[in-house]
Structure formats: structure tokens, C-alpha cells
PDB file of N, CA and C in Angstrom:
ATOM      1  N   MET A   1     113.663 120.630 107.779  1.00  0.00           N
ATOM      2  CA  MET A   1     113.679 120.226 109.662  1.00  0.00           C
ATOM      3  C   MET A   1     114.329 118.585 110.015  1.00  0.00           C
ATOM      4  N   THR A   2     115.030 118.416 110.368  1.00  0.00           N
ATOM      5  CA  THR A   2     115.455 117.268 111.059  1.00  0.00           C
ATOM      6  C   THR A   2     115.351 116.258 111.313  1.00  0.00           C
ATOM      7  N   SER A   3     115.953 115.329 111.549  1.00  0.00           N
ATOM      8  CA  SER A   3     114.950 114.309 112.342  1.00  0.00           C
ATOM      9  C   SER A   3     114.983 114.122 113.552  1.00  0.00           C
ATOM     10  N   GLU A   4     115.600 114.875 114.106  1.00  0.00           N
ATOM     11  CA  GLU A   4     116.000 115.084 115.669  1.00  0.00           C
ATOM     12  C   GLU A   4     114.425 115.904 116.155  1.00  0.00           C
ATOM     13  N   GLU A   5     114.524 117.644 115.348  1.00  0.00           N
ATOM     14  CA  GLU A   5     113.441 118.041 115.390  1.00  0.00           C
ATOM     15  C   GLU A   5     111.954 117.332 115.500  1.00  0.00           C
ATOM     16  N   ILE A   6     111.953 116.159 114.357  1.00  0.00           N
ATOM     17  CA  ILE A   6     110.737 115.921 114.233  1.00  0.00           C
ATOM     18  C   ILE A   6     110.632 114.317 115.018  1.00  0.00           C
ATOM     19  N   GLN A   7     111.704 114.106 115.558  1.00  0.00           N
ATOM     20  CA  GLN A   7     111.516 113.289 117.008  1.00  0.00           C
ATOM     21  C   GLN A   7     111.115 114.275 118.152  1.00  0.00           C
ATOM     22  N   THR A   8     111.324 114.969 118.589  1.00  0.00           N
ATOM     23  CA  THR A   8     110.596 115.911 119.570  1.00  0.00           C
ATOM     24  C   THR A   8     109.550 116.291 119.409  1.00  0.00           C
ATOM     25  N   LEU A   9     109.310 116.559 118.460  1.00  0.00           N
ATOM     26  CA  LEU A   9     107.797 117.111 118.166  1.00  0.00           C
ATOM     27  C   LEU A   9     106.830 115.621 118.273  1.00  0.00           C
ATOM     28  N   ILE A  10     107.482 114.623 118.160  1.00  0.00           N
ATOM     29  CA  ILE A  10     106.524 113.387 118.358  1.00  0.00           C
ATOM     30  C   ILE A  10     106.249 113.044 119.744  1.00  0.00           C
ATOM     31  N   ALA A  11     107.506 113.044 120.234  1.00  0.00           N
ATOM     32  CA  ALA A  11     107.661 112.586 121.549  1.00  0.00           C
ATOM     33  C   ALA A  11     107.154 113.580 122.656  1.00  0.00           C
ATOM     34  N   ASN A  12     107.068 114.982 122.337  1.00  0.00           N
ATOM     35  CA  ASN A  12     106.432 116.185 122.888  1.00  0.00           C
ATOM     36  C   ASN A  12     104.692 115.572 123.598  1.00  0.00           C
ATOM     37  N   HIS A  13     104.599 114.892 122.010  1.00  0.00           N
ATOM     38  CA  HIS A  13     102.292 114.500 121.854  1.00  0.00           C
ATOM     39  C   HIS A  13     102.486 113.361 122.641  1.00  0.00           C
ATOM     40  N   ILE A  14     102.904 112.169 122.174  1.00  0.00           N
ATOM     41  CA  ILE A  14     102.727 111.021 122.102  1.00  0.00           C
ATOM     42  C   ILE A  14     104.181 110.248 123.400  1.00  0.00           C
ATOM     43  N   ALA A  15     103.531 110.195 124.736  1.00  0.00           N
ATOM     44  CA  ALA A  15     104.698 109.136 125.853  1.00  0.00           C
ATOM     45  C   ALA A  15     105.303 107.711 124.623  1.00  0.00           C
ATOM     46  N   CYS A  16     106.108 107.683 124.163  1.00  0.00           N
ATOM     47  CA  CYS A  16     106.898 106.784 123.341  1.00  0.00           C
ATOM     48  C   CYS A  16     108.005 106.249 124.207  1.00  0.00           C
ATOM     49  N   GLU A  17     108.284 104.736 123.793  1.00  0.00           N
ATOM     50  CA  GLU A  17     109.021 103.725 124.279  1.00  0.00           C
ATOM     51  C   GLU A  17     109.649 103.701 123.667  1.00  0.00           C
ATOM     52  N   LEU A  18     109.545 104.516 122.221  1.00  0.00           N
ATOM     53  CA  LEU A  18     110.807 104.745 121.230  1.00  0.00           C
ATOM     54  C   LEU A  18     110.310 105.313 120.253  1.00  0.00           C
ATOM     55  N   CYS A  19     111.668 106.290 119.569  1.00  0.00           N
ATOM     56  CA  CYS A  19     110.442 106.972 118.443  1.00  0.00           C
ATOM     57  C   CYS A  19     111.919 107.003 117.321  1.00  0.00           C
ATOM     58  N   GLU A  20     111.959 106.672 116.609  1.00  0.00           N
ATOM     59  CA  GLU A  20     113.130 106.724 115.282  1.00  0.00           C
ATOM     60  C   GLU A  20     112.206 107.749 113.797  1.00  0.00           C
ATOM     61  N   VAL A  21     113.273 108.678 113.775  1.00  0.00           N
ATOM     62  CA  VAL A  21     112.908 109.324 112.463  1.00  0.00           C
ATOM     63  C   VAL A  21     114.037 108.966 111.714  1.00  0.00           C
ATOM     64  N   GLU A  22     114.378 108.800 110.081  1.00  0.00           N
ATOM     65  CA  GLU A  22     114.619 108.474 109.261  1.00  0.00           C
ATOM     66  C   GLU A  22     114.195 109.522 108.178  1.00  0.00           C
ATOM     67  N   GLY A  23     114.918 110.215 106.859  1.00  0.00           N
ATOM     68  CA  GLY A  23     114.944 110.696 105.906  1.00  0.00           C
ATOM     69  C   GLY A  23     115.887 111.514 105.424  1.00  0.00           C
ATOM     70  N   ASP A  24     115.140 112.117 104.294  1.00  0.00           N
ATOM     71  CA  ASP A  24     116.468 113.308 103.539  1.00  0.00           C
ATOM     72  C   ASP A  24     116.114 114.383 103.495  1.00  0.00           C
ATOM     73  N   GLY A  25     115.754 114.396 104.119  1.00  0.00           N
ATOM     74  CA  GLY A  25     115.226 115.803 104.380  1.00  0.00           C
ATOM     75  C   GLY A  25     113.414 116.609 104.364  1.00  0.00           C
ATOM     76  N   ARG A  26     112.871 115.877 103.006  1.00  0.00           N
ATOM     77  CA  ARG A  26     112.033 116.116 102.393  1.00  0.00           C
ATOM     78  C   ARG A  26     111.006 115.048 103.154  1.00  0.00           C
ATOM     79  N   HIS A  27     111.361 113.708 102.634  1.00  0.00           N
ATOM     80  CA  HIS A  27     110.259 112.414 102.768  1.00  0.00           C
ATOM     81  C   HIS A  27     111.000 111.986 104.222  1.00  0.00           C
ATOM     82  N   TRP A  28     109.674 111.546 105.058  1.00  0.00           N
ATOM     83  CA  TRP A  28     110.366 110.733 106.356  1.00  0.00           C
ATOM     84  C   TRP A  28     109.998 109.536 106.556  1.00  0.00           C
ATOM     85  N   TYR A  29     110.614 109.044 107.494  1.00  0.00           N
ATOM     86  CA  TYR A  29     109.878 107.732 107.932  1.00  0.00           C
ATOM     87  C   TYR A  29     110.039 107.253 109.414  1.00  0.00           C
ATOM     88  N   ALA A  30     108.850 107.213 109.999  1.00  0.00           N
ATOM     89  CA  ALA A  30     109.121 106.983 112.043  1.00  0.00           C
ATOM     90  C   ALA A  30     108.293 105.933 111.951  1.00  0.00           C
ATOM     91  N   THR A  31     109.365 105.239 113.363  1.00  0.00           N
ATOM     92  CA  THR A  31     108.419 104.314 114.061  1.00  0.00           C
ATOM     93  C   THR A  31     108.423 104.808 115.417  1.00  0.00           C
ATOM     94  N   VAL A  32     107.498 104.473 115.478  1.00  0.00           N
ATOM     95  CA  VAL A  32     106.992 104.651 116.968  1.00  0.00           C
ATOM     96  C   VAL A  32     106.279 103.568 118.192  1.00  0.00           C
ATOM     97  N   VAL A  33     106.851 103.600 119.104  1.00  0.00           N
ATOM     98  CA  VAL A  33     106.781 102.371 119.959  1.00  0.00           C
ATOM     99  C   VAL A  33     106.161 103.256 121.180  1.00  0.00           C
ATOM    100  N   SER A  34     104.618 102.743 121.642  1.00  0.00           N
ATOM    101  CA  SER A  34     103.795 103.593 122.997  1.00  0.00           C
ATOM    102  C   SER A  34     102.432 102.837 122.737  1.00  0.00           C
ATOM    103  N   SER A  35     102.422 102.573 124.740  1.00  0.00           N
ATOM    104  CA  SER A  35     101.317 102.272 125.388  1.00  0.00           C
ATOM    105  C   SER A  35     100.045 103.009 124.782  1.00  0.00           C
ATOM    106  N   ALA A  36     100.804 104.246 124.366  1.00  0.00           N
ATOM    107  CA  ALA A  36      99.190 105.238 124.384  1.00  0.00           C
ATOM    108  C   ALA A  36      98.579 104.086 122.601  1.00  0.00           C
ATOM    109  N   PHE A  37      99.016 103.515 122.073  1.00  0.00           N
ATOM    110  CA  PHE A  37      98.823 102.990 121.202  1.00  0.00           C
ATOM    111  C   PHE A  37      97.516 102.372 121.371  1.00  0.00           C
ATOM    112  N   GLU A  38      97.503 101.406 122.213  1.00  0.00           N
ATOM    113  CA  GLU A  38      96.763 100.112 123.085  1.00  0.00           C
ATOM    114  C   GLU A  38      95.481 100.582 122.572  1.00  0.00           C
ATOM    115  N   GLY A  39      94.992  99.518 121.926  1.00  0.00           N
ATOM    116  CA  GLY A  39      93.222  99.250 121.673  1.00  0.00           C
ATOM    117  C   GLY A  39      92.778 100.868 120.330  1.00  0.00           C
ATOM    118  N   LEU A  40      94.395 101.150 119.856  1.00  0.00           N
ATOM    119  CA  LEU A  40      93.786 101.784 118.762  1.00  0.00           C
ATOM    120  C   LEU A  40      93.752 101.704 117.044  1.00  0.00           C
ATOM    121  N   ARG A  41      93.145 101.733 116.363  1.00  0.00           N
ATOM    122  CA  ARG A  41      93.351 101.141 114.950  1.00  0.00           C
ATOM    123  C   ARG A  41      94.100 102.001 114.306  1.00  0.00           C
ATOM    124  N   ALA A  42      95.194 101.555 113.341  1.00  0.00           N
ATOM    125  CA  ALA A  42      96.195 101.822 112.748  1.00  0.00           C
ATOM    126  C   ALA A  42      96.121 103.076 112.430  1.00  0.00           C
ATOM    127  N   ILE A  43      94.770 103.132 111.723  1.00  0.00           N
ATOM    128  CA  ILE A  43      94.196 104.979 110.994  1.00  0.00           C
ATOM    129  C   ILE A  43      94.166 106.108 112.971  1.00  0.00           C
ATOM    130  N   THR A  44      93.799 105.335 113.393  1.00  0.00           N
ATOM    131  CA  THR A  44      93.767 106.927 114.788  1.00  0.00           C
ATOM    132  C   THR A  44      95.293 106.523 115.311  1.00  0.00           C
ATOM    133  N   ARG A  45      96.086 105.456 115.063  1.00  0.00           N
ATOM    134  CA  ARG A  45      97.473 105.848 115.404  1.00  0.00           C
ATOM    135  C   ARG A  45      98.412 106.835 114.949  1.00  0.00           C
ATOM    136  N   HIS A  46      98.358 106.981 113.138  1.00  0.00           N
ATOM    137  CA  HIS A  46      98.995 107.375 112.747  1.00  0.00           C
ATOM    138  C   HIS A  46      97.676 109.134 113.176  1.00  0.00           C
ATOM    139  N   GLN A  47      97.017 109.250 112.551  1.00  0.00           N
ATOM    140  CA  GLN A  47      96.476 110.893 113.704  1.00  0.00           C
ATOM    141  C   GLN A  47      96.934 111.039 114.411  1.00  0.00           C
ATOM    142  N   ARG A  48      96.883 110.298 115.135  1.00  0.00           N
ATOM    143  CA  ARG A  48      97.878 111.093 116.597  1.00  0.00           C
ATOM    144  C   ARG A  48      99.362 111.572 116.440  1.00  0.00           C
ATOM    145  N   VAL A  49     100.092 110.280 115.227  1.00  0.00           N
ATOM    146  CA  VAL A  49     101.460 111.451 115.042  1.00  0.00           C
ATOM    147  C   VAL A  49     101.301 112.123 114.204  1.00  0.00           C
ATOM    148  N   TYR A  50     100.011 112.369 112.965  1.00  0.00           N
ATOM    149  CA  TYR A  50     100.248 113.675 112.652  1.00  0.00           C
ATOM    150  C   TYR A  50      99.861 114.558 113.250  1.00  0.00           C
ATOM    151  N   ALA A  51      99.293 114.669 114.541  1.00  0.00           N
ATOM    152  CA  ALA A  51      98.367 115.624 115.102  1.00  0.00           C
ATOM    153  C   ALA A  51      99.866 116.026 116.332  1.00  0.00           C
ATOM    154  N   ALA A  52     100.364 115.208 115.898  1.00  0.00           N
ATOM    155  CA  ALA A  52     102.212 115.934 116.967  1.00  0.00           C
ATOM    156  C   ALA A  52     102.884 116.664 115.941  1.00  0.00           C
ATOM    157  N   MET A  53     102.891 116.933 114.403  1.00  0.00           N
ATOM    158  CA  MET A  53     103.264 117.661 113.813  1.00  0.00           C
ATOM    159  C   MET A  53     102.499 118.733 113.503  1.00  0.00           C
ATOM    160  N   GLY A  54     101.656 118.648 113.631  1.00  0.00           N
ATOM    161  CA  GLY A  54     100.685 120.267 113.707  1.00  0.00           C
ATOM    162  C   GLY A  54     100.626 120.417 112.110  1.00  0.00           C
ATOM    163  N   GLN A  55     100.996 122.339 112.240  1.00  0.00           N
ATOM    164  CA  GLN A  55     100.587 122.613 110.832  1.00  0.00           C
ATOM    165  C   GLN A  55     102.307 122.430 109.980  1.00  0.00           C
ATOM    166  N   ARG A  56     102.951 121.349 109.856  1.00  0.00           N
ATOM    167  CA  ARG A  56     104.215 121.364 109.318  1.00  0.00           C
ATOM    168  C   ARG A  56     104.084 120.677 108.072  1.00  0.00           C
ATOM    169  N   MET A  57     102.694 119.624 108.440  1.00  0.00           N
ATOM    170  CA  MET A  57     102.734 118.677 107.295  1.00  0.00           C
ATOM    171  C   MET A  57     101.636 119.527 106.123  1.00  0.00           C
ATOM    172  N   LYS A  58     101.162 121.053 106.703  1.00  0.00           N
ATOM    173  CA  LYS A  58     100.275 121.192 105.778  1.00  0.00           C
ATOM    174  C   LYS A  58     100.764 122.612 104.928  1.00  0.00           C
ATOM    175  N   THR A  59     102.112 123.092 105.980  1.00  0.00           N
ATOM    176  CA  THR A  59     102.864 123.713 105.040  1.00  0.00           C
ATOM    177  C   THR A  59     103.801 123.438 104.274  1.00  0.00           C
ATOM    178  N   ASP A  60     104.097 122.115 104.581  1.00  0.00           N
ATOM    179  CA  ASP A  60     105.608 121.771 103.441  1.00  0.00           C
ATOM    180  C   ASP A  60     106.351 121.741 104.295  1.00  0.00           C
ATOM    181  N   GLU A  61     106.324 121.975 105.454  1.00  0.00           N
ATOM    182  CA  GLU A  61     107.996 122.019 106.075  1.00  0.00           C
ATOM    183  C   GLU A  61     108.181 120.562 105.964  1.00  0.00           C
ATOM    184  N   VAL A  62     107.396 119.565 106.284  1.00  0.00           N
ATOM    185  CA  VAL A  62     107.565 118.283 106.196  1.00  0.00           C
ATOM    186  C   VAL A  62     106.885 117.533 105.288  1.00  0.00           C
ATOM    187  N   HIS A  63     106.844 117.178 103.895  1.00  0.00           N
ATOM    188  CA  HIS A  63     106.553 117.061 102.546  1.00  0.00           C
ATOM    189  C   HIS A  63     106.219 115.727 102.984  1.00  0.00           C
ATOM    190  N   ALA A  64     106.794 114.790 103.707  1.00  0.00           N
ATOM    191  CA  ALA A  64     105.809 113.464 103.849  1.00  0.00           C
ATOM    192  C   ALA A  64     106.356 112.632 104.983  1.00  0.00           C
ATOM    193  N   LEU A  65     105.237 111.317 105.317  1.00  0.00           N
ATOM    194  CA  LEU A  65     106.083 111.401 106.724  1.00  0.00           C
ATOM    195  C   LEU A  65     105.198 110.112 106.265  1.00  0.00           C
ATOM    196  N   SER A  66     106.108 109.147 106.495  1.00  0.00           N
ATOM    197  CA  SER A  66     105.338 107.512 106.682  1.00  0.00           C
ATOM    198  C   SER A  66     106.012 106.826 107.904  1.00  0.00           C
ATOM    199  N   ILE A  67     104.397 106.470 108.423  1.00  0.00           N
ATOM    200  CA  ILE A  67     104.552 105.921 109.525  1.00  0.00           C
ATOM    201  C   ILE A  67     104.108 104.739 110.275  1.00  0.00           C
ATOM    202  N   LYS A  68     104.690 103.985 111.203  1.00  0.00           N
ATOM    203  CA  LYS A  68     104.880 102.960 111.506  1.00  0.00           C
ATOM    204  C   LYS A  68     104.822 102.858 113.452  1.00  0.00           C
ATOM    205  N   ALA A  69     103.162 102.592 113.308  1.00  0.00           N
ATOM    206  CA  ALA A  69     103.079 102.850 115.045  1.00  0.00           C
ATOM    207  C   ALA A  69     102.570 101.532 115.411  1.00  0.00           C
ATOM    208  N   PHE A  70     103.340 101.219 116.539  1.00  0.00           N
ATOM    209  CA  PHE A  70     103.291 100.193 117.441  1.00  0.00           C
ATOM    210  C   PHE A  70     103.011 100.079 119.136  1.00  0.00           C
ATOM    211  N   THR A  71     102.004  99.145 119.579  1.00  0.00           N
ATOM    212  CA  THR A  71     102.070  98.598 120.953  1.00  0.00           C
ATOM    213  C   THR A  71     104.006  98.510 121.288  1.00  0.00           C
ATOM    214  N   PRO A  72     103.575  98.346 121.995  1.00  0.00           N
ATOM    215  CA  PRO A  72     105.068  98.146 123.064  1.00  0.00           C
ATOM    216  C   PRO A  72     105.200  96.193 122.930  1.00  0.00           C
ATOM    217  N   ALA A  73     103.886  95.624 122.630  1.00  0.00           N
ATOM    218  CA  ALA A  73     103.846  94.071 122.329  1.00  0.00           C
ATOM    219  C   ALA A  73     103.774  93.869 121.382  1.00  0.00           C
ATOM    220  N   GLU A  74     103.332  94.902 120.149  1.00  0.00           N
ATOM    221  CA  GLU A  74     103.250  94.326 119.377  1.00  0.00           C
ATOM    222  C   GLU A  74     104.790  94.200 118.558  1.00  0.00           C
ATOM    223  N   TRP A  75     105.761  95.924 118.984  1.00  0.00           N
ATOM    224  CA  TRP A  75     106.987  96.051 118.896  1.00  0.00           C
ATOM    225  C   TRP A  75     107.813  95.240 119.478  1.00  0.00           C
ATOM    226  N   ALA A  76     107.434  94.034 120.409  1.00  0.00           N
ATOM    227  CA  ALA A  76     108.924  93.221 121.093  1.00  0.00           C
ATOM    228  C   ALA A  76     108.318  92.205 120.154  1.00  0.00           C
ATOM    229  N   ALA A  77     106.887  91.533 119.735  1.00  0.00           N
ATOM    230  CA  ALA A  77     106.747  90.577 118.833  1.00  0.00           C
ATOM    231  C   ALA A  77     107.253  90.501 117.736  1.00  0.00           C
ATOM    232  N   LEU A  78     107.803  91.384 116.597  1.00  0.00           N
ATOM    233  CA  LEU A  78     108.753  91.814 115.707  1.00  0.00           C
ATOM    234  C   LEU A  78     110.126  91.890 115.717  1.00  0.00           C
ATOM    235  N   SER A  79     110.449  91.897 117.480  1.00  0.00           N
ATOM    236  CA  SER A  79     112.507  91.876 117.384  1.00  0.00           C
ATOM    237  C   SER A  79     112.402  90.046 117.696  1.00  0.00           C
ATOM    238  N   ALA A  80     111.278  89.554 118.338  1.00  0.00           N
ATOM    239  CA  ALA A  80     111.519  88.502 118.732  1.00  0.00           C
ATOM    240  C   ALA A  80     112.039  87.020 117.593  1.00  0.00           C
TER     241      ALA A  80
END
């Protein structure tokens, strides 16, 4: 898979203000900013991103995905 394909999968499942994916073709790093994460714990946010990947995590199309998931307010605070 490509970073663009992974970004599309996530964005089609979660309304994102920002979705950036980088990686080497096997190990991926995603930064996802979404108001849909408001009030959710980190584990639940990650579960939503993994759900967007569907079977691709189980079939090893995506070997590893490291996720940083933020609300827009959390992202703004980090950027300040």
C-alpha cells in the first residue's frame, strides 16, 4: 500500500481535519486530527483508525501502523 491509499482509507472512515501518513511500505506512521475524537480515550481513537484499515492489518497488507490521534484543540495546542 501507499501512504495516499492509507490516508484515503482513514479519511473515508473518519472525518479528518488532518491526516498525514508516512512510512517505508511496511511500517507506517499516521497523524490524524479529528473532532470525532472529542471525549474519547486514546485507545478508542486508535481503535477507530484501525477499524478504517479493515482487514488490511490482519492480512499484513499493512504490517505496522503507529497512530497519533488528536482533537483539533489538542493539535492546536501542540502547534502553539
